[in-house]
Amino acid sequence: MKRQDTDNGRVGTLVEAIRDDILYGVYRAGEWLKQIDLQERYEANRFEVRQALVELKNRRLVEHKVNSGFRVAAPDPEELLHLKAVRTILETGAAEPVVARATAADLVDLDDIAARFEQAIETADPPTRTELNYAFHRRLYDIAGNPVLAALIHDMRERGQSGTTGRWFTLAGLRLSAQEHHAMVAAIRARDAAALARRIRPGLPLRDRTDTLALGLACLIGVETGDDLGDVDAWLGSTLRDGVRANDDAAAGITALAMANLRILEGRYADAARWLAEAELHLERND
């Protein structure tokens, strides 16, 4: 019996270790998790790894494919929209109690995590940045004083994303996230629940037109401030698809302009002209 208790304790620790690595981007969505590699990485036996993977499957963080094994779950786009809808309800609902209950000590903690995230943009690896982002949001929603609500929010955030988010493909996107953290703390300090709700709303699929325009402009800034062009290209493509899907011609137009700017930097002038024409089309529709 004692042996089983010890195994259960080790399995629980292993579950949390693999979970953290999934959420912090060590393992990416769709990546296969080979049991022998996990045994070596976490110094665990086959039984413990198998039990941990089953528990992570129950949490919907990994998937099991018969005759293939386990891989990191990759939610389909429709499921992601549903998860974001639930997050919108839960997270904006937490704004009022967070603002009402926040103490000076809470604000000091949030300021500290926000500052560490901002510093990590230049000094740390992606898993560390993701860990700090999760720490910020966990601390934020714990302030609400409702452990059931906080647990639901944390669960939705975990199921809806693993690794870094799309905007984190560029330095500009990371800096925008850092600014949002500081803005959330400022809203709490001002006891402005409405402002906090606007800042934390996850969006379906975009936060709002103003935020989307900010993303597009951040792309333009990123091109000028040392971001890898391939990363900027991937982020712009994702942002443009979101704008089109949301019928947000302002967002699609500014992003297409950023795409044209990128093509000019690459010397692909014919492609730049095509993107300029698409930008003009979207912006005319927006007028």
Protein backbone atom coordinates (compact mmCIF):
# COMPACT_ATOMS: atom_id res chain seq x y z
CA MET A 1 0.00 0.00 0.00
CA LYS A 2 2.82 2.34 0.85
CA ARG A 3 4.41 1.67 -2.54
CA GLN A 4 1.17 2.65 -4.32
CA ASP A 5 0.92 5.88 -2.30
CA THR A 6 4.49 6.76 -3.27
CA ASP A 7 3.74 6.07 -6.95
CA ASN A 8 0.60 8.21 -6.83
CA GLY A 9 2.61 11.08 -5.41
CA ARG A 10 5.26 10.76 -8.11
CA VAL A 11 2.61 10.54 -10.82
CA GLY A 12 0.96 13.72 -9.55
CA THR A 13 4.27 15.56 -9.63
CA LEU A 14 4.95 14.19 -13.13
CA VAL A 15 1.53 15.32 -14.38
CA GLU A 16 2.22 18.88 -13.24
CA ALA A 17 5.72 18.88 -14.75
CA ILE A 18 4.52 17.72 -18.19
CA ARG A 19 1.51 20.03 -17.99
CA ASP A 20 3.78 23.02 -17.32
CA ASP A 21 6.03 22.11 -20.23
CA ILE A 22 3.01 21.89 -22.55
CA LEU A 23 1.62 25.22 -21.41
CA TYR A 24 5.00 26.95 -21.47
CA GLY A 25 5.79 25.84 -25.02
CA VAL A 26 8.38 23.11 -24.50
CA TYR A 27 5.96 20.81 -26.33
CA ARG A 28 3.84 22.34 -29.08
CA ALA A 29 0.30 21.56 -30.21
CA GLY A 30 0.23 18.35 -32.24
CA GLU A 31 3.68 17.19 -31.10
CA TRP A 32 4.00 13.47 -30.32
CA LEU A 33 5.08 12.59 -26.79
CA LYS A 34 7.33 9.52 -26.86
CA GLN A 35 7.17 7.65 -23.57
CA ILE A 36 10.85 6.70 -23.60
CA ASP A 37 11.82 10.37 -24.04
CA LEU A 38 9.52 11.40 -21.18
CA GLN A 39 11.00 8.69 -18.95
CA GLU A 40 14.47 10.08 -19.55
CA ARG A 41 13.53 13.75 -19.27
CA TYR A 42 11.58 13.41 -16.03
CA GLU A 43 13.48 10.45 -14.55
CA ALA A 44 10.29 8.40 -14.27
CA ASN A 45 9.40 4.80 -15.04
CA ARG A 46 7.08 3.57 -17.77
CA PHE A 47 4.14 3.05 -15.40
CA GLU A 48 4.39 6.60 -14.04
CA VAL A 49 4.65 8.18 -17.49
CA ARG A 50 1.68 6.18 -18.76
CA GLN A 51 -0.48 7.19 -15.78
CA ALA A 52 0.54 10.83 -16.17
CA LEU A 53 -0.39 10.83 -19.85
CA VAL A 54 -3.78 9.31 -19.09
CA GLU A 55 -4.45 12.05 -16.54
CA LEU A 56 -3.37 14.74 -19.02
CA LYS A 57 -5.72 13.16 -21.55
CA ASN A 58 -8.53 13.47 -19.00
CA ARG A 59 -7.65 17.17 -18.70
CA ARG A 60 -7.78 17.40 -22.52
CA LEU A 61 -4.20 18.64 -22.73
CA VAL A 62 -3.09 15.56 -24.69
CA GLU A 63 -4.79 13.21 -27.15
CA HIS A 64 -4.40 9.46 -27.52
CA LYS A 65 -4.35 7.88 -30.96
CA VAL A 66 -4.71 4.09 -31.14
CA ASN A 67 -1.53 2.41 -32.40
CA SER A 68 0.24 5.77 -32.47
CA GLY A 69 0.51 7.07 -28.92
CA PHE A 70 -0.03 10.39 -27.18
CA ARG A 71 0.38 13.87 -28.61
CA VAL A 72 -0.26 17.42 -27.38
CA ALA A 73 -3.89 18.33 -28.02
CA ALA A 74 -4.59 20.74 -30.86
CA PRO A 75 -8.16 22.08 -30.53
CA ASP A 76 -9.94 22.68 -33.82
CA PRO A 77 -10.83 26.30 -34.72
CA GLU A 78 -14.53 25.89 -33.85
CA GLU A 79 -13.70 24.52 -30.41
CA LEU A 80 -11.31 27.40 -29.83
CA LEU A 81 -14.09 29.87 -30.59
CA HIS A 82 -16.35 28.13 -28.06
CA LEU A 83 -13.59 28.18 -25.45
CA LYS A 84 -13.01 31.89 -26.04
CA ALA A 85 -16.73 32.55 -25.66
CA VAL A 86 -16.68 30.87 -22.25
CA ARG A 87 -13.52 32.73 -21.31
CA THR A 88 -15.15 36.03 -22.24
CA ILE A 89 -18.01 35.36 -19.82
CA LEU A 90 -15.81 34.12 -16.98
CA GLU A 91 -12.95 36.58 -17.21
CA THR A 92 -14.99 39.73 -17.68
CA GLY A 93 -17.24 38.50 -14.85
CA ALA A 94 -14.20 38.41 -12.59
CA ALA A 95 -13.36 42.08 -13.19
CA GLU A 96 -15.73 43.52 -10.58
CA PRO A 97 -14.71 41.28 -7.67
CA VAL A 98 -11.03 41.69 -8.56
CA VAL A 99 -11.32 45.48 -8.46
CA ALA A 100 -13.42 45.40 -5.30
CA ARG A 101 -11.13 43.05 -3.36
CA ALA A 102 -7.65 44.04 -4.55
CA THR A 103 -5.31 45.15 -1.76
CA ALA A 104 -2.10 47.13 -1.89
CA ALA A 105 -0.20 43.85 -1.53
CA ASP A 106 -2.07 42.39 -4.51
CA LEU A 107 -1.09 45.37 -6.64
CA VAL A 108 2.55 45.04 -5.60
CA ASP A 109 2.51 41.37 -6.65
CA LEU A 110 0.90 42.15 -10.02
CA ASP A 111 3.31 45.01 -10.67
CA ASP A 112 6.22 42.70 -9.90
CA ILE A 113 5.07 39.91 -12.25
CA ALA A 114 4.25 42.42 -15.00
CA ALA A 115 7.73 43.94 -14.70
CA ARG A 116 9.38 40.50 -14.77
CA PHE A 117 7.43 39.59 -17.92
CA GLU A 118 8.49 42.83 -19.59
CA GLN A 119 12.11 42.20 -18.68
CA ALA A 120 11.85 38.60 -19.94
CA ILE A 121 11.02 39.86 -23.44
CA GLU A 122 14.68 40.73 -23.93
CA THR A 123 16.39 38.27 -21.58
CA ALA A 124 14.43 35.01 -21.31
CA ASP A 125 13.35 32.08 -23.48
CA PRO A 126 9.74 31.56 -24.67
CA PRO A 127 8.81 29.00 -21.94
CA THR A 128 9.90 31.45 -19.22
CA ARG A 129 7.85 34.27 -20.78
CA THR A 130 4.81 32.02 -21.02
CA GLU A 131 5.22 30.91 -17.42
CA LEU A 132 5.29 34.53 -16.27
CA ASN A 133 2.20 35.33 -18.34
CA TYR A 134 0.31 32.45 -16.71
CA ALA A 135 1.55 33.56 -13.29
CA PHE A 136 0.23 37.07 -13.90
CA HIS A 137 -3.24 35.88 -14.87
CA ARG A 138 -3.42 33.28 -12.09
CA ARG A 139 -2.57 35.98 -9.54
CA LEU A 140 -5.08 38.37 -11.12
CA TYR A 141 -8.06 36.03 -10.97
CA ASP A 142 -7.21 34.62 -7.56
CA ILE A 143 -7.87 38.13 -6.21
CA ALA A 144 -11.58 37.67 -7.01
CA GLY A 145 -11.85 35.46 -3.93
CA ASN A 146 -13.86 32.77 -5.73
CA PRO A 147 -11.77 29.60 -6.06
CA VAL A 148 -14.36 27.90 -8.28
CA LEU A 149 -14.35 30.83 -10.73
CA ALA A 150 -10.54 31.03 -10.68
CA ALA A 151 -10.22 27.28 -11.33
CA LEU A 152 -12.64 27.46 -14.27
CA ILE A 153 -10.75 30.38 -15.80
CA HIS A 154 -7.42 28.63 -15.41
CA ASP A 155 -8.86 25.47 -16.97
CA MET A 156 -10.26 27.37 -19.97
CA ARG A 157 -6.96 29.17 -20.50
CA GLU A 158 -5.05 25.88 -20.40
CA ARG A 159 -7.39 24.13 -22.81
CA GLY A 160 -7.46 27.04 -25.22
CA GLN A 161 -3.77 27.57 -25.72
CA SER A 162 -0.41 25.90 -25.33
CA GLY A 163 2.94 27.53 -25.86
CA THR A 164 3.01 31.12 -27.02
CA THR A 165 0.13 32.94 -28.64
CA GLY A 166 0.10 34.30 -32.20
CA ARG A 167 1.03 37.83 -31.24
CA TRP A 168 4.15 36.50 -29.49
CA PHE A 169 5.79 35.64 -32.81
CA THR A 170 7.32 39.14 -32.76
CA LEU A 171 8.99 41.48 -30.31
CA ALA A 172 6.28 44.04 -31.02
CA GLY A 173 3.58 41.55 -30.03
CA LEU A 174 5.37 40.68 -26.81
CA ARG A 175 5.69 44.35 -25.94
CA LEU A 176 1.99 44.85 -26.60
CA SER A 177 1.20 42.06 -24.13
CA ALA A 178 3.50 43.68 -21.56
CA GLN A 179 1.67 46.99 -21.99
CA GLU A 180 -1.65 45.23 -21.44
CA HIS A 181 -0.44 43.73 -18.16
CA HIS A 182 0.50 47.19 -16.89
CA ALA A 183 -2.83 48.61 -18.13
CA MET A 184 -4.75 45.93 -16.21
CA VAL A 185 -2.92 46.82 -13.01
CA ALA A 186 -3.61 50.51 -13.63
CA ALA A 187 -7.34 49.78 -14.05
CA ILE A 188 -7.40 47.87 -10.76
CA ARG A 189 -5.52 50.65 -8.99
CA ALA A 190 -8.07 53.15 -10.34
CA ARG A 191 -10.93 50.86 -9.15
CA ASP A 192 -12.29 50.86 -12.71
CA ALA A 193 -13.94 47.47 -13.29
CA ALA A 194 -15.19 48.42 -16.76
CA ALA A 195 -11.68 49.32 -17.91
CA LEU A 196 -10.31 46.08 -16.50
CA ALA A 197 -13.00 44.06 -18.27
CA ARG A 198 -12.10 45.70 -21.58
CA ARG A 199 -8.45 44.81 -21.06
CA ILE A 200 -8.93 41.17 -20.12
CA ARG A 201 -11.63 40.27 -22.65
CA PRO A 202 -10.20 37.40 -24.71
CA GLY A 203 -12.19 38.24 -27.86
CA LEU A 204 -14.08 36.27 -30.52
CA PRO A 205 -11.73 36.00 -32.34
CA LEU A 206 -10.36 39.53 -32.00
CA ARG A 207 -10.60 41.69 -28.94
CA ASP A 208 -12.04 44.72 -30.69
CA ARG A 209 -11.28 46.96 -33.65
CA THR A 210 -8.98 49.25 -31.70
CA ASP A 211 -6.92 46.34 -30.40
CA THR A 212 -6.75 44.76 -33.86
CA LEU A 213 -5.51 48.00 -35.39
CA ALA A 214 -2.90 48.15 -32.62
CA LEU A 215 -1.78 44.65 -33.57
CA GLY A 216 -1.42 45.62 -37.20
CA LEU A 217 0.53 48.74 -36.32
CA ALA A 218 2.71 46.71 -33.97
CA CYS A 219 3.57 44.50 -36.94
CA LEU A 220 4.70 47.56 -38.87
CA ILE A 221 6.79 48.70 -35.91
CA GLY A 222 8.20 45.21 -35.50
CA VAL A 223 9.47 45.17 -39.07
CA GLU A 224 11.47 48.30 -38.28
CA THR A 225 12.83 47.13 -34.91
CA GLY A 226 14.67 43.91 -35.61
CA ASP A 227 12.00 41.22 -35.69
CA ASP A 228 12.70 38.20 -37.87
CA LEU A 229 10.84 38.76 -41.16
CA GLY A 230 9.57 35.18 -41.30
CA ASP A 231 8.01 35.53 -37.83
CA VAL A 232 6.41 38.84 -38.78
CA ASP A 233 5.04 37.25 -41.96
CA ALA A 234 3.42 34.40 -39.99
CA TRP A 235 1.88 36.78 -37.47
CA LEU A 236 0.55 39.11 -40.16
CA GLY A 237 -1.07 36.19 -41.99
CA SER A 238 -2.82 35.07 -38.80
CA THR A 239 -3.98 38.62 -37.98
CA LEU A 240 -5.26 39.15 -41.53
CA ARG A 241 -7.27 35.92 -41.47
CA ASP A 242 -8.83 36.95 -38.15
CA GLY A 243 -9.78 40.35 -39.58
CA VAL A 244 -11.41 38.83 -42.66
CA ARG A 245 -13.21 36.19 -40.58
CA ALA A 246 -14.59 38.89 -38.29
CA ASN A 247 -15.62 41.13 -41.24
CA ASP A 248 -13.31 43.78 -39.77
CA ASP A 249 -12.15 45.66 -42.87
CA ALA A 250 -10.20 48.21 -40.84
CA ALA A 251 -8.13 45.46 -39.25
CA ALA A 252 -7.68 43.58 -42.53
CA GLY A 253 -6.71 46.78 -44.33
CA ILE A 254 -4.03 47.90 -41.88
CA THR A 255 -2.63 44.38 -41.75
CA ALA A 256 -2.49 44.20 -45.55
CA LEU A 257 -0.58 47.49 -45.51
CA ALA A 258 1.89 45.94 -43.08
CA MET A 259 2.19 42.94 -45.39
CA ALA A 260 2.97 45.29 -48.32
CA ASN A 261 5.63 47.00 -46.23
CA LEU A 262 7.19 43.63 -45.48
CA ARG A 263 7.27 42.67 -49.17
CA ILE A 264 9.00 45.97 -50.03
CA LEU A 265 11.70 45.23 -47.43
CA GLU A 266 12.17 41.83 -49.06
CA GLY A 267 12.43 43.40 -52.54
CA ARG A 268 9.27 41.62 -53.75
CA TYR A 269 7.65 44.65 -55.36
CA ALA A 270 5.02 42.82 -57.43
CA ASP A 271 3.75 41.11 -54.27
CA ALA A 272 3.83 44.47 -52.47
CA ALA A 273 1.59 45.98 -55.15
CA ARG A 274 -0.88 43.11 -54.71
CA TRP A 275 -1.02 43.66 -50.96
CA LEU A 276 -1.48 47.42 -51.43
CA ALA A 277 -4.45 46.72 -53.72
CA GLU A 278 -5.97 44.40 -51.12
CA ALA A 279 -5.40 47.00 -48.40
CA GLU A 280 -7.15 49.64 -50.52
CA LEU A 281 -10.10 47.31 -51.08
CA HIS A 282 -10.59 46.64 -47.35
CA LEU A 283 -10.14 50.27 -46.34
CA GLU A 284 -12.62 51.46 -48.97
CA ARG A 285 -15.18 49.00 -47.58
CA ASN A 286 -14.51 50.40 -44.12
CA ASP A 287 -15.19 54.02 -45.14
